[in-house]
Amino acid sequence: MKILADENMPYVQQLFGDLGSIETINGRELTPEQVEDADVLLVRSVTKVDKALLGLNKKLKFVGSATIGTDHIDLDYLASRNIPFSNAPGCNATAVGEFAFIAMLELAQRFNSPLKGKVVGIVGAGNTGSAVAKCLRAYGIEVLLNDPVLAERGDDREFVSLDTLIETCDVISLHVPITKKGTHKTWYLFDEARLNSLKQGTWLLNCCRGEVIDNRALIQFKQQRQDVKVVLDVWEGEPNPMPDLVPYIEFCTPHIAGYSLEGKARGTYMLYQNLSKVLGFDADKQMDSLLPALWSEQVNVLKFSEEKSLLQLARFVYDLRDDDELFRKMFLNNQGFDHMRKNHTHRREFSALKVGNMGQTDVNWLSNLGFSGVEL
């Protein structure tokens, strides 16, 4: 059996190596000829899987995408050919949630404007949006949710309209799938008019899809509204962000908000489990065995009396400033955006760090944030 896998997908050999031969490919440049003799195709969001890509293949048994979204997959075409498909919903939710939370702490530090006391609005309350809310609420931040799709499906959480969220919130974090039509389309959800409606001093973060914000309108907006601070992990026109936009963004990263080691391992592992059901083999490997040993198992902090202390602890796990600096140096290079994504292998989640010697109050909320092994 031939397994074709995106070169940026980790732990493929460890999980799928016993099932057949594995060939890794550049997912953005994948051709129909490369796919022609594959039995299993494993992709990420950069690969458009449709008739044009799969037309030459007559033997495909499974398509898996180690992503939350499916907008890059022609699900109707796969169904018409009875090709089983699986994505990995929630695989990187924790990573995205922690990324957004850390980005807010970084903004607070940079502009001397504490996160504590602000109201944060989350647009899109699925897996990633809920993970952001979890971090914020653990820290005692008031959160408002906007998700008309989930509201219509009967989700029992409290939701507000997007207009109310914009009017009320000091921070807005975007976590929606990309939809180009319909009542609740998200393509250019934040267009010129909506950007201009942001109140003074708003922080705007986008960790979902670049086209949720009209990037050309954002350039013009930021030229006039330097009071609004923006964090972009995703960009219109990826892998080629608009060069004129980058100088106006406070923190820039190359679509890696979900790229923790745990998140990437979880995505590949979920595809392994789903393939086992399709092919009927025993999925006897464990995800925990994939991750490397912790580079540090315990950090002792006596007291968290300031937000700065929390940021220092977060930076011990992941320092967003490093990726921002690298992005600004490399994004204009040939394939620089994809090079940064491919080589982004160092980041861990809060759960990788044990925190000791804490007061009881700190123990509770740090544990709720996700730090493991929290001890008195």
Protein backbone atom coordinates (compact mmCIF):
# COMPACT_ATOMS: atom_id res chain seq x y z
CA MET A 1 0.00 0.00 0.00
CA LYS A 2 1.32 3.44 -0.95
CA ILE A 3 0.74 6.30 1.49
CA LEU A 4 1.24 9.84 0.19
CA ALA A 5 1.70 12.40 2.97
CA ASP A 6 2.39 16.11 3.28
CA GLU A 7 6.03 16.64 4.27
CA ASN A 8 4.94 18.98 7.07
CA MET A 9 2.84 16.33 8.79
CA PRO A 10 4.80 14.89 11.73
CA TYR A 11 4.96 11.32 13.02
CA VAL A 12 3.65 9.78 9.79
CA GLN A 13 6.44 7.21 9.68
CA GLN A 14 5.95 6.23 13.33
CA LEU A 15 2.20 5.76 12.93
CA PHE A 16 1.75 4.57 9.34
CA GLY A 17 5.12 2.97 8.58
CA ASP A 18 3.92 -0.58 9.29
CA LEU A 19 1.07 -0.24 6.78
CA GLY A 20 3.05 0.29 3.59
CA SER A 21 5.49 2.57 1.80
CA ILE A 22 5.36 6.27 2.64
CA GLU A 23 6.18 9.07 0.22
CA THR A 24 6.27 12.65 1.50
CA ILE A 25 5.41 15.52 -0.82
CA ASN A 26 5.11 19.30 -0.95
CA GLY A 27 1.40 19.67 -0.33
CA ARG A 28 1.13 23.04 -2.03
CA GLU A 29 2.67 21.71 -5.27
CA LEU A 30 1.06 18.25 -5.37
CA THR A 31 0.15 17.06 -8.91
CA PRO A 32 -2.38 14.50 -10.24
CA GLU A 33 0.51 12.39 -11.51
CA GLN A 34 1.97 12.10 -8.02
CA VAL A 35 -1.38 11.00 -6.62
CA GLU A 36 -2.16 8.53 -9.43
CA ASP A 37 -0.95 5.36 -7.69
CA ALA A 38 -1.62 6.31 -4.04
CA ASP A 39 -3.82 4.20 -1.78
CA VAL A 40 -3.92 6.73 1.06
CA LEU A 41 -3.58 10.51 0.80
CA LEU A 42 -2.76 12.58 3.91
CA VAL A 43 -2.85 16.37 3.47
CA ARG A 44 -3.00 19.69 5.27
CA SER A 45 -4.91 22.88 4.43
CA VAL A 46 -2.54 23.94 1.63
CA THR A 47 -3.69 21.11 -0.66
CA LYS A 48 -6.90 21.44 -2.69
CA VAL A 49 -8.34 17.93 -2.92
CA ASP A 50 -10.83 17.72 -5.79
CA LYS A 51 -11.48 16.07 -9.15
CA ALA A 52 -8.58 17.91 -10.75
CA LEU A 53 -6.14 16.36 -8.26
CA LEU A 54 -7.66 12.88 -7.99
CA GLY A 55 -8.87 12.35 -11.54
CA LEU A 56 -6.05 9.98 -12.51
CA ASN A 57 -6.32 7.86 -9.36
CA LYS A 58 -8.59 4.80 -9.48
CA LYS A 59 -7.53 3.06 -6.24
CA LEU A 60 -7.70 5.61 -3.43
CA LYS A 61 -8.96 4.04 -0.18
CA PHE A 62 -8.79 7.04 2.16
CA VAL A 63 -8.20 10.79 2.25
CA GLY A 64 -7.25 12.40 5.55
CA SER A 65 -6.63 16.04 6.39
CA ALA A 66 -4.84 16.84 9.65
CA THR A 67 -6.82 20.06 9.96
CA ILE A 68 -9.93 21.42 11.59
CA GLY A 69 -11.38 22.98 8.43
CA THR A 70 -12.52 21.24 5.26
CA ASP A 71 -12.81 24.18 2.85
CA HIS A 72 -9.88 22.76 0.86
CA ILE A 73 -11.66 19.43 0.35
CA ASP A 74 -14.35 18.74 -2.28
CA LEU A 75 -16.47 16.57 -0.03
CA ASP A 76 -19.16 16.03 -2.67
CA TYR A 77 -16.61 14.67 -5.12
CA LEU A 78 -15.14 12.28 -2.55
CA ALA A 79 -18.64 11.08 -1.68
CA SER A 80 -19.48 10.53 -5.35
CA ARG A 81 -16.50 8.17 -5.60
CA ASN A 82 -17.14 6.55 -2.21
CA ILE A 83 -13.72 7.59 -0.95
CA PRO A 84 -13.71 7.71 2.88
CA PHE A 85 -12.58 11.03 4.31
CA SER A 86 -11.58 12.23 7.75
CA ASN A 87 -10.33 15.51 9.11
CA ALA A 88 -9.12 16.17 12.66
CA PRO A 89 -11.58 18.53 14.35
CA GLY A 90 -10.21 19.96 17.56
CA CYS A 91 -6.70 18.61 17.04
CA ASN A 92 -5.03 21.99 17.42
CA ALA A 93 -7.73 23.83 19.38
CA THR A 94 -5.64 24.00 22.56
CA ALA A 95 -2.65 25.33 20.63
CA VAL A 96 -4.70 28.06 18.92
CA GLY A 97 -6.37 28.98 22.20
CA GLU A 98 -3.04 29.35 23.97
CA PHE A 99 -1.54 31.25 21.02
CA ALA A 100 -4.33 33.84 21.08
CA PHE A 101 -4.09 34.16 24.86
CA ILE A 102 -0.31 34.64 24.72
CA ALA A 103 -0.71 37.21 21.93
CA MET A 104 -3.08 39.20 24.15
CA LEU A 105 -0.58 39.09 27.00
CA GLU A 106 2.14 40.30 24.63
CA LEU A 107 -0.02 43.21 23.47
CA ALA A 108 -0.74 44.08 27.08
CA GLN A 109 2.97 44.17 27.87
CA ARG A 110 3.99 46.08 24.72
CA PHE A 111 1.39 48.82 25.10
CA ASN A 112 1.25 48.92 28.90
CA SER A 113 -2.46 48.13 28.86
CA PRO A 114 -3.31 45.14 31.10
CA LEU A 115 -5.45 42.35 29.70
CA LYS A 116 -7.07 41.96 33.11
CA GLY A 117 -10.21 44.07 33.15
CA LYS A 118 -10.79 44.03 29.41
CA VAL A 119 -13.82 42.42 27.74
CA VAL A 120 -12.88 39.94 25.00
CA GLY A 121 -15.18 39.03 22.14
CA ILE A 122 -14.75 35.70 20.34
CA VAL A 123 -16.20 35.43 16.84
CA GLY A 124 -16.70 31.72 16.17
CA ALA A 125 -17.33 29.54 19.21
CA GLY A 126 -16.29 26.14 17.85
CA ASN A 127 -13.30 24.17 19.09
CA THR A 128 -10.66 26.90 18.74
CA GLY A 129 -12.87 29.76 19.88
CA SER A 130 -13.92 27.75 22.92
CA ALA A 131 -10.26 27.02 23.72
CA VAL A 132 -9.51 30.77 23.72
CA ALA A 133 -12.51 31.35 26.00
CA LYS A 134 -11.24 28.64 28.36
CA CYS A 135 -7.88 30.38 28.81
CA LEU A 136 -9.46 33.80 29.26
CA ARG A 137 -12.03 32.64 31.80
CA ALA A 138 -9.37 30.78 33.76
CA TYR A 139 -7.62 34.13 34.08
CA GLY A 140 -10.83 35.88 35.11
CA ILE A 141 -11.54 37.73 31.86
CA GLU A 142 -15.11 38.50 30.76
CA VAL A 143 -15.85 36.83 27.41
CA LEU A 144 -18.64 37.44 24.90
CA LEU A 145 -19.38 34.90 22.16
CA ASN A 146 -20.72 35.45 18.65
CA ASP A 147 -21.67 32.44 16.54
CA PRO A 148 -25.00 32.66 14.70
CA VAL A 149 -24.52 29.23 13.14
CA LEU A 150 -24.17 27.47 16.50
CA ALA A 151 -26.96 29.59 17.95
CA GLU A 152 -29.33 28.42 15.21
CA ARG A 153 -28.30 24.81 15.87
CA GLY A 154 -29.47 25.11 19.47
CA ASP A 155 -26.16 25.60 21.29
CA ASP A 156 -27.23 26.55 24.81
CA ARG A 157 -24.43 29.03 25.46
CA GLU A 158 -25.21 32.74 25.51
CA PHE A 159 -24.41 34.55 22.26
CA VAL A 160 -24.48 38.20 21.22
CA SER A 161 -24.75 39.80 17.79
CA LEU A 162 -21.55 40.79 15.99
CA ASP A 163 -22.53 44.46 16.22
CA THR A 164 -23.02 44.16 19.98
CA LEU A 165 -19.68 42.38 20.33
CA ILE A 166 -17.87 45.12 18.39
CA GLU A 167 -19.55 47.87 20.40
CA THR A 168 -18.77 46.21 23.74
CA CYS A 169 -15.44 44.44 23.50
CA ASP A 170 -11.91 45.76 23.95
CA VAL A 171 -10.40 42.70 22.25
CA ILE A 172 -11.82 40.70 19.32
CA SER A 173 -10.45 37.28 18.36
CA LEU A 174 -11.59 35.60 15.12
CA HIS A 175 -12.11 31.81 14.93
CA VAL A 176 -14.55 31.10 12.09
CA PRO A 177 -14.34 28.81 9.05
CA ILE A 178 -14.27 30.47 5.65
CA THR A 179 -17.64 30.55 3.87
CA LYS A 180 -18.16 32.54 0.69
CA LYS A 181 -21.95 32.65 0.49
CA GLY A 182 -25.08 32.34 2.56
CA THR A 183 -26.59 34.33 5.39
CA HIS A 184 -23.57 33.88 7.61
CA LYS A 185 -20.74 34.12 5.11
CA THR A 186 -17.36 34.91 6.64
CA TRP A 187 -15.43 35.97 3.53
CA TYR A 188 -14.47 39.61 4.27
CA LEU A 189 -16.55 39.48 7.43
CA PHE A 190 -14.39 42.38 8.55
CA ASP A 191 -14.59 44.62 5.51
CA GLU A 192 -13.95 48.36 5.33
CA ALA A 193 -17.22 49.27 7.03
CA ARG A 194 -16.81 46.79 9.88
CA LEU A 195 -13.19 47.76 10.46
CA ASN A 196 -14.22 51.40 10.68
CA SER A 197 -16.81 50.46 13.30
CA LEU A 198 -14.14 49.22 15.75
CA LYS A 199 -14.03 51.34 18.86
CA GLN A 200 -10.96 53.28 19.93
CA GLY A 201 -8.08 51.11 21.11
CA THR A 202 -9.51 47.74 20.03
CA TRP A 203 -7.18 44.75 19.71
CA LEU A 204 -8.05 42.54 16.71
CA LEU A 205 -6.63 39.01 16.33
CA ASN A 206 -7.11 36.66 13.38
CA CYS A 207 -6.12 33.01 13.85
CA CYS A 208 -8.55 31.34 11.43
CA ARG A 209 -8.47 32.25 7.71
CA GLY A 210 -6.84 35.29 6.12
CA GLU A 211 -9.82 36.27 4.00
CA VAL A 212 -12.04 36.78 7.04
CA ILE A 213 -10.46 40.27 7.05
CA ASP A 214 -10.22 42.31 3.84
CA ASN A 215 -6.47 42.81 3.95
CA ARG A 216 -6.41 45.69 1.46
CA ALA A 217 -9.04 47.50 3.51
CA LEU A 218 -6.99 46.71 6.62
CA ILE A 219 -3.96 48.53 5.15
CA GLN A 220 -6.00 51.65 4.52
CA PHE A 221 -7.67 51.37 7.92
CA LYS A 222 -4.40 51.03 9.82
CA GLN A 223 -2.94 54.02 8.00
CA GLN A 224 -5.67 56.09 9.65
CA ARG A 225 -6.27 54.15 12.90
CA GLN A 226 -3.03 53.38 14.66
CA ASP A 227 -4.97 53.07 17.91
CA VAL A 228 -6.27 49.65 16.80
CA LYS A 229 -3.68 46.90 17.39
CA VAL A 230 -3.71 43.85 15.12
CA VAL A 231 -2.26 40.33 15.37
CA LEU A 232 -2.33 38.21 12.21
CA ASP A 233 -1.43 34.54 12.02
CA VAL A 234 -3.33 34.14 8.74
CA TRP A 235 -3.15 36.26 5.60
CA GLU A 236 -5.12 36.90 2.46
CA GLY A 237 -3.23 35.40 -0.48
CA GLU A 238 -1.14 32.92 1.53
CA PRO A 239 1.68 32.06 1.13
CA ASN A 240 2.24 35.58 -0.16
CA PRO A 241 1.10 38.18 2.39
CA MET A 242 0.70 41.73 1.13
CA PRO A 243 4.08 43.37 1.86
CA ASP A 244 2.45 46.75 2.50
CA LEU A 245 0.37 45.27 5.31
CA VAL A 246 3.12 43.71 7.42
CA PRO A 247 4.55 46.94 8.90
CA TYR A 248 1.12 47.82 10.32
CA ILE A 249 0.70 44.53 12.21
CA GLU A 250 1.85 44.27 15.82
CA PHE A 251 2.59 40.52 15.74
CA CYS A 252 2.99 38.55 12.51
CA THR A 253 3.20 34.75 12.20
CA PRO A 254 2.96 32.37 9.20
CA HIS A 255 -0.26 30.43 9.95
CA ILE A 256 1.27 28.51 12.86
CA ALA A 257 -1.16 29.28 15.70
CA GLY A 258 -2.08 25.61 15.84
CA TYR A 259 1.46 24.34 15.31
CA SER A 260 2.31 23.03 18.76
CA LEU A 261 4.02 19.64 18.85
CA GLU A 262 1.01 18.30 20.74
CA GLY A 263 -1.45 19.74 18.22
CA LYS A 264 0.37 18.39 15.18
CA ALA A 265 0.83 14.97 16.78
CA ARG A 266 -2.86 14.90 17.72
CA GLY A 267 -3.90 15.66 14.13
CA THR A 268 -1.81 12.87 12.62
CA TYR A 269 -2.89 10.47 15.35
CA MET A 270 -6.58 11.15 14.71
CA LEU A 271 -6.08 10.24 11.04
CA TYR A 272 -4.28 7.05 12.10
CA GLN A 273 -7.24 6.10 14.29
CA ASN A 274 -9.76 6.83 11.53
CA LEU A 275 -7.79 4.93 8.90
CA SER A 276 -7.72 1.93 11.25
CA LYS A 277 -11.53 1.93 11.26
CA VAL A 278 -11.70 2.16 7.46
CA LEU A 279 -9.14 -0.60 6.83
CA GLY A 280 -10.01 -2.68 9.89
CA PHE A 281 -6.63 -2.91 11.61
CA ASP A 282 -5.87 -2.57 15.31
CA ALA A 283 -4.70 0.96 16.18
CA ASP A 284 -2.26 -0.14 18.87
CA LYS A 285 0.06 2.88 18.91
CA GLN A 286 -0.29 5.62 21.53
CA MET A 287 0.03 9.37 20.93
CA ASP A 288 1.99 10.05 24.12
CA SER A 289 4.82 7.89 22.85
CA LEU A 290 5.34 10.24 19.88
CA LEU A 291 6.24 13.37 21.82
CA PRO A 292 9.85 14.07 22.83
CA ALA A 293 10.88 14.27 26.44
CA LEU A 294 10.20 17.60 28.11
CA TRP A 295 13.11 20.02 27.94
CA SER A 296 12.08 21.18 31.40
CA GLU A 297 9.71 19.38 33.73
CA GLN A 298 9.21 21.92 36.47
CA VAL A 299 9.31 25.66 37.01
CA ASN A 300 9.11 27.04 40.52
CA VAL A 301 7.40 30.41 40.85
CA LEU A 302 6.60 31.76 44.28
CA LYS A 303 3.94 34.29 43.42
CA PHE A 304 1.96 35.63 40.47
CA SER A 305 1.24 39.14 41.67
CA GLU A 306 1.52 40.75 38.23
CA GLU A 307 0.37 39.97 34.70
CA LYS A 308 3.99 40.31 33.65
CA SER A 309 4.80 37.20 35.69
CA LEU A 310 2.21 35.18 33.78
CA LEU A 311 3.66 36.38 30.48
CA GLN A 312 7.13 35.32 31.61
CA LEU A 313 5.80 31.85 32.38
CA ALA A 314 4.01 31.70 29.02
CA ARG A 315 7.19 32.74 27.21
CA PHE A 316 8.97 29.84 28.87
CA VAL A 317 6.66 27.59 26.86
CA TYR A 318 6.37 29.74 23.72
CA ASP A 319 7.84 33.16 22.93
CA LEU A 320 5.72 34.76 20.22
CA ARG A 321 8.29 37.51 19.68
CA ASP A 322 10.73 35.04 18.13
CA ASP A 323 8.30 34.04 15.37
CA ASP A 324 7.31 37.67 14.76
CA GLU A 325 10.96 38.66 14.29
CA LEU A 326 11.63 35.72 11.97
CA PHE A 327 8.51 36.46 9.92
CA ARG A 328 9.56 40.03 9.21
CA LYS A 329 12.99 38.83 8.07
CA MET A 330 11.82 35.95 5.88
CA PHE A 331 8.30 36.44 4.51
CA LEU A 332 9.52 38.12 1.30
CA ASN A 333 12.05 35.36 0.59
CA ASN A 334 11.28 32.75 -2.04
CA GLN A 335 8.98 30.23 -0.28
CA GLY A 336 9.84 31.99 2.98
CA PHE A 337 6.30 31.64 4.37
CA ASP A 338 6.19 27.89 3.79
CA HIS A 339 9.78 27.48 4.99
CA MET A 340 8.84 29.00 8.33
CA ARG A 341 5.84 26.69 8.64
CA LYS A 342 7.83 23.61 7.73
CA ASN A 343 10.55 24.38 10.26
CA HIS A 344 8.26 25.41 13.09
CA THR A 345 8.95 22.44 15.36
CA HIS A 346 9.85 23.89 18.76
CA ARG A 347 6.58 24.98 20.29
CA ARG A 348 4.89 23.15 23.16
CA GLU A 349 1.59 23.65 24.98
CA PHE A 350 1.09 24.74 28.59
CA SER A 351 0.51 21.09 29.52
CA ALA A 352 4.19 20.36 28.82
CA LEU A 353 5.24 22.44 31.80
CA LYS A 354 4.99 21.52 35.47
CA VAL A 355 4.59 24.44 37.83
CA GLY A 356 5.46 24.06 41.51
CA ASN A 357 5.59 26.03 44.78
CA MET A 358 2.41 27.98 44.24
CA GLY A 359 -0.23 29.45 46.52
CA GLN A 360 -3.62 27.71 46.43
CA THR A 361 -5.31 30.50 44.46
CA ASP A 362 -2.65 30.43 41.79
CA VAL A 363 -2.83 26.63 41.63
CA ASN A 364 -6.49 26.69 40.68
CA TRP A 365 -6.35 29.10 37.77
CA LEU A 366 -2.99 27.93 36.43
CA SER A 367 -4.34 24.39 36.36
CA ASN A 368 -7.43 25.64 34.55
CA LEU A 369 -5.16 27.40 32.04
CA GLY A 370 -3.72 24.00 31.20
CA PHE A 371 -0.41 23.78 33.04
CA SER A 372 0.16 20.21 34.15
CA GLY A 373 1.46 18.87 37.43
CA VAL A 374 0.58 22.07 39.26
CA GLU A 375 1.79 21.59 42.82
CA LEU A 376 1.69 23.46 46.11
